[in-house]
Amino acid sequence: MVMCNSHQCGCWHHYPERGWIQFLLMRILYEKPMHGYQLLEEIEDRSCGFHKLEPGSIYTLLRRMEERGLLQSKWEKTEGSPDRRVYTLTDRGVEALKNGLASIVKRKQLFDDLAQFYHDKFKETSEGEE
C-alpha cells in the first residue's frame, strides 16, 4: 500500500483502490463501533456473500489499522460469553476515510469517462464483429 507522505494520516491517497477493504471497514466503523465477528458478518452482508474474510485476516488487518492510529479498541465485558474487543474509528481514521474516498471518487470519474469512450467508440464495432 502506498501511504500518503504529505499527510501523516495513515491513508492511501495514491492507489486507494488497493486498500478498499480498509475503507469498507472504516466506513462500517464510522457508522457504528463493532467487534471483529460483527465486522466479518457485515462485510459478507454488504457484499451479498461475495466477500468472506477469514477471522485471522480481519484481526490482522484491524491490528495493523490500530497500529497506524486509524482505529482504537477497548474490551467489552459480556455476560455469559468471552469478553470482546470493540473497534471504533479515530479522528485520524475519519480523515483517512474522507481523503481516501475523495480520491476514489476522482478515480471513478476517470473510469466512467473511459467506459463511456469505450461504449461510444468500440462497443458497436465489437458487437458487430461477433
N, C-alpha and C. Protein backbone atom coordinates (compact mmCIF):
# COMPACT_ATOMS: atom_id res chain seq x y z
N MET A 1 0.83 -1.18 0.00
CA MET A 1 0.00 0.00 0.00
C MET A 1 0.87 1.24 0.00
N VAL A 2 0.49 2.22 -0.74
CA VAL A 2 1.23 3.46 -0.78
C VAL A 2 0.63 4.42 0.24
N MET A 3 1.43 4.78 1.21
CA MET A 3 0.95 5.69 2.24
C MET A 3 1.18 7.12 1.77
N CYS A 4 0.28 7.99 2.13
CA CYS A 4 0.40 9.40 1.80
C CYS A 4 1.50 10.01 2.65
N ASN A 5 2.50 10.59 2.01
CA ASN A 5 3.59 11.21 2.75
C ASN A 5 3.30 12.66 3.11
N SER A 6 2.43 13.30 2.36
CA SER A 6 2.16 14.71 2.62
C SER A 6 1.29 14.90 3.85
N HIS A 7 0.55 13.90 4.23
CA HIS A 7 -0.28 13.93 5.43
C HIS A 7 0.14 12.77 6.31
N GLN A 8 0.18 12.97 7.55
CA GLN A 8 0.52 11.88 8.46
C GLN A 8 -0.77 11.24 8.98
N CYS A 9 -1.68 10.94 8.07
CA CYS A 9 -2.99 10.44 8.46
C CYS A 9 -3.10 8.93 8.37
N GLY A 10 -2.11 8.26 7.75
CA GLY A 10 -2.20 6.82 7.61
C GLY A 10 -3.10 6.39 6.47
N CYS A 11 -3.40 7.29 5.55
CA CYS A 11 -4.32 6.97 4.46
C CYS A 11 -3.56 6.59 3.20
N TRP A 12 -4.30 6.12 2.21
CA TRP A 12 -3.72 5.65 0.97
C TRP A 12 -4.23 6.52 -0.17
N HIS A 13 -3.55 7.61 -0.44
CA HIS A 13 -4.04 8.54 -1.46
C HIS A 13 -3.67 8.14 -2.88
N HIS A 14 -2.51 7.57 -3.08
CA HIS A 14 -2.07 7.31 -4.44
C HIS A 14 -2.86 6.20 -5.12
N TYR A 15 -3.10 5.12 -4.44
CA TYR A 15 -3.83 3.99 -5.00
C TYR A 15 -4.83 3.47 -3.98
N PRO A 16 -5.88 4.24 -3.68
CA PRO A 16 -6.81 3.82 -2.63
C PRO A 16 -7.55 2.54 -2.94
N GLU A 17 -7.72 2.21 -4.23
CA GLU A 17 -8.46 1.00 -4.54
C GLU A 17 -7.75 -0.26 -4.05
N ARG A 18 -6.45 -0.19 -3.82
CA ARG A 18 -5.74 -1.34 -3.26
C ARG A 18 -6.16 -1.58 -1.82
N GLY A 19 -6.59 -0.55 -1.14
CA GLY A 19 -6.99 -0.68 0.25
C GLY A 19 -8.49 -0.65 0.45
N TRP A 20 -9.24 -1.12 -0.55
CA TRP A 20 -10.70 -0.99 -0.48
C TRP A 20 -11.28 -1.65 0.75
N ILE A 21 -10.71 -2.77 1.19
CA ILE A 21 -11.28 -3.45 2.35
C ILE A 21 -11.10 -2.60 3.61
N GLN A 22 -9.97 -1.89 3.70
CA GLN A 22 -9.76 -1.00 4.83
C GLN A 22 -10.78 0.13 4.81
N PHE A 23 -11.06 0.65 3.62
CA PHE A 23 -12.05 1.72 3.52
C PHE A 23 -13.44 1.21 3.88
N LEU A 24 -13.74 -0.01 3.49
CA LEU A 24 -15.03 -0.59 3.87
C LEU A 24 -15.11 -0.75 5.38
N LEU A 25 -14.05 -1.26 6.00
CA LEU A 25 -14.03 -1.40 7.46
C LEU A 25 -14.19 -0.05 8.14
N MET A 26 -13.46 0.96 7.66
CA MET A 26 -13.58 2.29 8.26
C MET A 26 -14.97 2.86 8.08
N ARG A 27 -15.56 2.63 6.92
CA ARG A 27 -16.91 3.13 6.68
C ARG A 27 -17.90 2.49 7.65
N ILE A 28 -17.79 1.18 7.83
CA ILE A 28 -18.68 0.46 8.75
C ILE A 28 -18.48 0.98 10.17
N LEU A 29 -17.23 1.13 10.58
CA LEU A 29 -16.94 1.58 11.94
C LEU A 29 -17.28 3.06 12.14
N TYR A 30 -17.30 3.83 11.07
CA TYR A 30 -17.75 5.22 11.16
C TYR A 30 -19.22 5.26 11.58
N GLU A 31 -19.98 4.29 11.07
CA GLU A 31 -21.41 4.22 11.36
C GLU A 31 -21.68 3.66 12.75
N LYS A 32 -20.86 2.69 13.20
CA LYS A 32 -21.13 2.04 14.47
C LYS A 32 -19.92 1.23 14.92
N PRO A 33 -19.47 1.39 16.18
CA PRO A 33 -18.39 0.55 16.69
C PRO A 33 -18.83 -0.92 16.70
N MET A 34 -17.89 -1.81 16.39
CA MET A 34 -18.21 -3.25 16.33
C MET A 34 -17.01 -4.07 16.75
N HIS A 35 -17.29 -5.33 17.06
CA HIS A 35 -16.21 -6.28 17.29
C HIS A 35 -15.94 -7.04 15.99
N GLY A 36 -14.83 -7.75 15.95
CA GLY A 36 -14.38 -8.39 14.72
C GLY A 36 -15.38 -9.31 14.06
N TYR A 37 -16.05 -10.14 14.84
CA TYR A 37 -17.02 -11.07 14.26
C TYR A 37 -18.18 -10.32 13.60
N GLN A 38 -18.62 -9.22 14.24
CA GLN A 38 -19.68 -8.40 13.63
C GLN A 38 -19.21 -7.83 12.30
N LEU A 39 -17.95 -7.40 12.26
CA LEU A 39 -17.40 -6.85 11.02
C LEU A 39 -17.37 -7.90 9.92
N LEU A 40 -16.99 -9.13 10.26
CA LEU A 40 -17.00 -10.22 9.27
C LEU A 40 -18.39 -10.40 8.69
N GLU A 41 -19.39 -10.43 9.55
CA GLU A 41 -20.77 -10.60 9.09
C GLU A 41 -21.22 -9.41 8.25
N GLU A 42 -20.86 -8.21 8.67
CA GLU A 42 -21.27 -7.00 7.95
C GLU A 42 -20.67 -6.96 6.55
N ILE A 43 -19.40 -7.33 6.42
CA ILE A 43 -18.75 -7.35 5.10
C ILE A 43 -19.43 -8.38 4.20
N GLU A 44 -19.71 -9.55 4.75
CA GLU A 44 -20.39 -10.58 3.96
C GLU A 44 -21.78 -10.11 3.54
N ASP A 45 -22.52 -9.48 4.46
CA ASP A 45 -23.86 -8.98 4.14
C ASP A 45 -23.81 -7.90 3.07
N ARG A 46 -22.92 -6.93 3.23
CA ARG A 46 -22.86 -5.81 2.28
C ARG A 46 -22.39 -6.24 0.90
N SER A 47 -21.64 -7.34 0.83
CA SER A 47 -21.17 -7.82 -0.47
C SER A 47 -22.04 -8.96 -1.00
N CYS A 48 -23.21 -9.16 -0.38
CA CYS A 48 -24.15 -10.22 -0.78
C CYS A 48 -23.46 -11.59 -0.80
N GLY A 49 -22.57 -11.81 0.16
CA GLY A 49 -21.88 -13.08 0.27
C GLY A 49 -20.68 -13.25 -0.62
N PHE A 50 -20.37 -12.24 -1.43
CA PHE A 50 -19.27 -12.34 -2.39
C PHE A 50 -17.91 -12.29 -1.71
N HIS A 51 -17.77 -11.49 -0.65
CA HIS A 51 -16.51 -11.36 0.07
C HIS A 51 -16.65 -11.94 1.47
N LYS A 52 -15.88 -12.97 1.72
CA LYS A 52 -15.85 -13.60 3.03
C LYS A 52 -14.40 -13.58 3.50
N LEU A 53 -14.15 -12.85 4.56
CA LEU A 53 -12.81 -12.81 5.11
C LEU A 53 -12.66 -13.87 6.19
N GLU A 54 -11.47 -14.38 6.31
CA GLU A 54 -11.16 -15.31 7.39
C GLU A 54 -10.96 -14.51 8.67
N PRO A 55 -11.35 -15.05 9.81
CA PRO A 55 -11.16 -14.32 11.07
C PRO A 55 -9.72 -13.88 11.29
N GLY A 56 -8.76 -14.73 10.98
CA GLY A 56 -7.36 -14.36 11.15
C GLY A 56 -6.97 -13.16 10.30
N SER A 57 -7.51 -13.09 9.10
CA SER A 57 -7.20 -11.98 8.20
C SER A 57 -7.75 -10.67 8.73
N ILE A 58 -8.99 -10.69 9.18
CA ILE A 58 -9.59 -9.43 9.62
C ILE A 58 -8.92 -8.93 10.90
N TYR A 59 -8.57 -9.85 11.79
CA TYR A 59 -7.95 -9.40 13.04
C TYR A 59 -6.54 -8.87 12.78
N THR A 60 -5.82 -9.44 11.84
CA THR A 60 -4.51 -8.91 11.46
C THR A 60 -4.68 -7.51 10.88
N LEU A 61 -5.65 -7.35 10.01
CA LEU A 61 -5.92 -6.05 9.40
C LEU A 61 -6.34 -5.02 10.45
N LEU A 62 -7.21 -5.39 11.36
CA LEU A 62 -7.65 -4.48 12.41
C LEU A 62 -6.47 -4.07 13.30
N ARG A 63 -5.60 -5.02 13.61
CA ARG A 63 -4.43 -4.72 14.44
C ARG A 63 -3.51 -3.73 13.73
N ARG A 64 -3.27 -3.93 12.44
CA ARG A 64 -2.42 -3.01 11.67
C ARG A 64 -3.04 -1.62 11.59
N MET A 65 -4.34 -1.57 11.39
CA MET A 65 -5.01 -0.27 11.31
C MET A 65 -4.96 0.43 12.66
N GLU A 66 -5.03 -0.33 13.73
CA GLU A 66 -4.94 0.25 15.06
C GLU A 66 -3.53 0.77 15.30
N GLU A 67 -2.51 0.04 14.86
CA GLU A 67 -1.12 0.49 14.99
C GLU A 67 -0.88 1.79 14.23
N ARG A 68 -1.58 1.99 13.12
CA ARG A 68 -1.45 3.22 12.33
C ARG A 68 -2.26 4.37 12.91
N GLY A 69 -3.03 4.10 13.94
CA GLY A 69 -3.82 5.14 14.57
C GLY A 69 -5.16 5.40 13.91
N LEU A 70 -5.58 4.51 13.02
CA LEU A 70 -6.84 4.68 12.32
C LEU A 70 -8.02 4.19 13.16
N LEU A 71 -7.75 3.22 14.02
CA LEU A 71 -8.77 2.63 14.88
C LEU A 71 -8.27 2.62 16.31
N GLN A 72 -9.21 2.49 17.21
CA GLN A 72 -8.87 2.20 18.60
C GLN A 72 -9.82 1.12 19.07
N SER A 73 -9.40 0.39 20.09
CA SER A 73 -10.25 -0.69 20.57
C SER A 73 -10.26 -0.69 22.09
N LYS A 74 -11.32 -1.28 22.61
CA LYS A 74 -11.40 -1.50 24.05
C LYS A 74 -12.17 -2.79 24.28
N TRP A 75 -11.88 -3.41 25.39
CA TRP A 75 -12.53 -4.66 25.72
C TRP A 75 -13.91 -4.39 26.29
N GLU A 76 -14.86 -5.16 25.80
CA GLU A 76 -16.24 -5.05 26.27
C GLU A 76 -16.57 -6.35 27.01
N LYS A 77 -17.04 -6.20 28.23
CA LYS A 77 -17.42 -7.37 29.01
C LYS A 77 -18.82 -7.81 28.57
N THR A 78 -18.99 -9.11 28.44
CA THR A 78 -20.29 -9.65 28.07
C THR A 78 -20.68 -10.74 29.06
N GLU A 79 -21.93 -10.78 29.37
CA GLU A 79 -22.47 -11.76 30.32
C GLU A 79 -22.58 -13.12 29.65
N GLY A 80 -21.96 -14.13 30.22
CA GLY A 80 -22.13 -15.49 29.74
C GLY A 80 -21.31 -15.85 28.52
N SER A 81 -20.45 -14.97 28.03
CA SER A 81 -19.60 -15.30 26.89
C SER A 81 -18.28 -14.54 27.05
N PRO A 82 -17.29 -14.90 26.26
CA PRO A 82 -15.99 -14.23 26.41
C PRO A 82 -16.09 -12.73 26.13
N ASP A 83 -15.21 -11.97 26.80
CA ASP A 83 -15.11 -10.54 26.50
C ASP A 83 -14.70 -10.37 25.04
N ARG A 84 -15.06 -9.23 24.46
CA ARG A 84 -14.70 -8.99 23.06
C ARG A 84 -14.12 -7.59 22.90
N ARG A 85 -13.26 -7.48 21.92
CA ARG A 85 -12.63 -6.21 21.62
C ARG A 85 -13.51 -5.46 20.62
N VAL A 86 -13.93 -4.26 20.98
CA VAL A 86 -14.79 -3.44 20.13
C VAL A 86 -13.94 -2.33 19.52
N TYR A 87 -14.06 -2.18 18.20
CA TYR A 87 -13.25 -1.22 17.45
C TYR A 87 -14.07 0.02 17.11
N THR A 88 -13.42 1.17 17.21
CA THR A 88 -14.03 2.44 16.80
C THR A 88 -13.02 3.18 15.92
N LEU A 89 -13.54 4.02 15.09
CA LEU A 89 -12.72 4.84 14.20
C LEU A 89 -12.20 6.05 14.98
N THR A 90 -10.92 6.36 14.82
CA THR A 90 -10.33 7.54 15.47
C THR A 90 -10.53 8.75 14.57
N ASP A 91 -10.21 9.93 15.07
CA ASP A 91 -10.26 11.14 14.24
C ASP A 91 -9.33 10.99 13.04
N ARG A 92 -8.17 10.40 13.27
CA ARG A 92 -7.23 10.15 12.17
C ARG A 92 -7.85 9.19 11.15
N GLY A 93 -8.58 8.20 11.64
CA GLY A 93 -9.26 7.26 10.74
C GLY A 93 -10.35 7.93 9.93
N VAL A 94 -11.09 8.84 10.54
CA VAL A 94 -12.12 9.59 9.82
C VAL A 94 -11.48 10.41 8.70
N GLU A 95 -10.37 11.05 9.01
CA GLU A 95 -9.66 11.86 8.00
C GLU A 95 -9.15 10.97 6.86
N ALA A 96 -8.60 9.81 7.21
CA ALA A 96 -8.12 8.88 6.18
C ALA A 96 -9.27 8.38 5.32
N LEU A 97 -10.40 8.09 5.93
CA LEU A 97 -11.58 7.65 5.19
C LEU A 97 -12.04 8.74 4.23
N LYS A 98 -12.16 9.94 4.74
CA LYS A 98 -12.61 11.08 3.92
C LYS A 98 -11.68 11.30 2.73
N ASN A 99 -10.37 11.36 2.98
CA ASN A 99 -9.40 11.61 1.91
C ASN A 99 -9.34 10.46 0.92
N GLY A 100 -9.38 9.24 1.43
CA GLY A 100 -9.34 8.08 0.54
C GLY A 100 -10.56 7.98 -0.35
N LEU A 101 -11.73 8.23 0.22
CA LEU A 101 -12.95 8.16 -0.58
C LEU A 101 -13.01 9.28 -1.60
N ALA A 102 -12.48 10.46 -1.26
CA ALA A 102 -12.42 11.56 -2.23
C ALA A 102 -11.55 11.15 -3.42
N SER A 103 -10.45 10.47 -3.13
CA SER A 103 -9.58 10.00 -4.20
C SER A 103 -10.27 8.93 -5.05
N ILE A 104 -11.00 8.04 -4.41
CA ILE A 104 -11.73 7.01 -5.15
C ILE A 104 -12.79 7.63 -6.05
N VAL A 105 -13.48 8.66 -5.57
CA VAL A 105 -14.49 9.34 -6.37
C VAL A 105 -13.85 9.96 -7.61
N LYS A 106 -12.69 10.58 -7.46
CA LYS A 106 -11.99 11.16 -8.62
C LYS A 106 -11.59 10.08 -9.61
N ARG A 107 -11.07 8.97 -9.10
CA ARG A 107 -10.70 7.86 -9.98
C ARG A 107 -11.93 7.28 -10.67
N LYS A 108 -13.05 7.21 -9.96
CA LYS A 108 -14.28 6.69 -10.56
C LYS A 108 -14.70 7.57 -11.73
N GLN A 109 -14.54 8.88 -11.60
CA GLN A 109 -14.89 9.79 -12.69
C GLN A 109 -14.04 9.48 -13.92
N LEU A 110 -12.75 9.20 -13.70
CA LEU A 110 -11.87 8.85 -14.81
C LEU A 110 -12.33 7.54 -15.46
N PHE A 111 -12.63 6.54 -14.65
CA PHE A 111 -13.08 5.26 -15.19
C PHE A 111 -14.43 5.38 -15.88
N ASP A 112 -15.32 6.20 -15.35
CA ASP A 112 -16.60 6.43 -16.02
C ASP A 112 -16.38 7.04 -17.40
N ASP A 113 -15.44 7.99 -17.49
CA ASP A 113 -15.13 8.61 -18.78
C ASP A 113 -14.55 7.58 -19.75
N LEU A 114 -13.66 6.73 -19.27
CA LEU A 114 -13.09 5.70 -20.13
C LEU A 114 -14.16 4.70 -20.57
N ALA A 115 -15.06 4.33 -19.68
CA ALA A 115 -16.14 3.40 -20.04
C ALA A 115 -17.05 4.03 -21.09
N GLN A 116 -17.35 5.31 -20.93
CA GLN A 116 -18.19 6.00 -21.92
C GLN A 116 -17.50 6.04 -23.28
N PHE A 117 -16.20 6.32 -23.28
CA PHE A 117 -15.43 6.31 -24.53
C PHE A 117 -15.51 4.94 -25.20
N TYR A 118 -15.36 3.88 -24.41
CA TYR A 118 -15.47 2.53 -24.95
C TYR A 118 -16.83 2.31 -25.59
N HIS A 119 -17.89 2.67 -24.87
CA HIS A 119 -19.24 2.47 -25.41
C HIS A 119 -19.47 3.29 -26.67
N ASP A 120 -18.96 4.52 -26.69
CA ASP A 120 -19.15 5.38 -27.85
C ASP A 120 -18.35 4.92 -29.07
N LYS A 121 -17.15 4.44 -28.86
CA LYS A 121 -16.24 4.18 -29.98
C LYS A 121 -16.09 2.71 -30.37
N PHE A 122 -16.24 1.82 -29.42
CA PHE A 122 -15.90 0.43 -29.71
C PHE A 122 -17.02 -0.57 -29.48
N LYS A 123 -17.97 -0.27 -28.66
CA LYS A 123 -18.99 -1.26 -28.30
C LYS A 123 -19.75 -1.77 -29.53
N GLU A 124 -20.24 -0.87 -30.37
CA GLU A 124 -20.98 -1.30 -31.56
C GLU A 124 -20.10 -2.09 -32.50
N THR A 125 -18.85 -1.66 -32.65
CA THR A 125 -17.91 -2.38 -33.51
C THR A 125 -17.67 -3.78 -32.98
N SER A 126 -17.47 -3.91 -31.67
CA SER A 126 -17.22 -5.22 -31.08
C SER A 126 -18.42 -6.14 -31.22
N GLU A 127 -19.62 -5.59 -31.03
CA GLU A 127 -20.82 -6.41 -31.14
C GLU A 127 -21.07 -6.83 -32.58
N GLY A 128 -20.77 -5.97 -33.54
CA GLY A 128 -20.98 -6.27 -34.95
C GLY A 128 -20.02 -7.33 -35.47
N GLU A 129 -18.87 -7.47 -34.84
CA GLU A 129 -17.86 -8.45 -35.28
C GLU A 129 -18.14 -9.83 -34.76
N GLU A 130 -19.02 -9.97 -33.78
CA GLU A 130 -19.27 -11.28 -33.17
C GLU A 130 -20.05 -12.20 -34.07
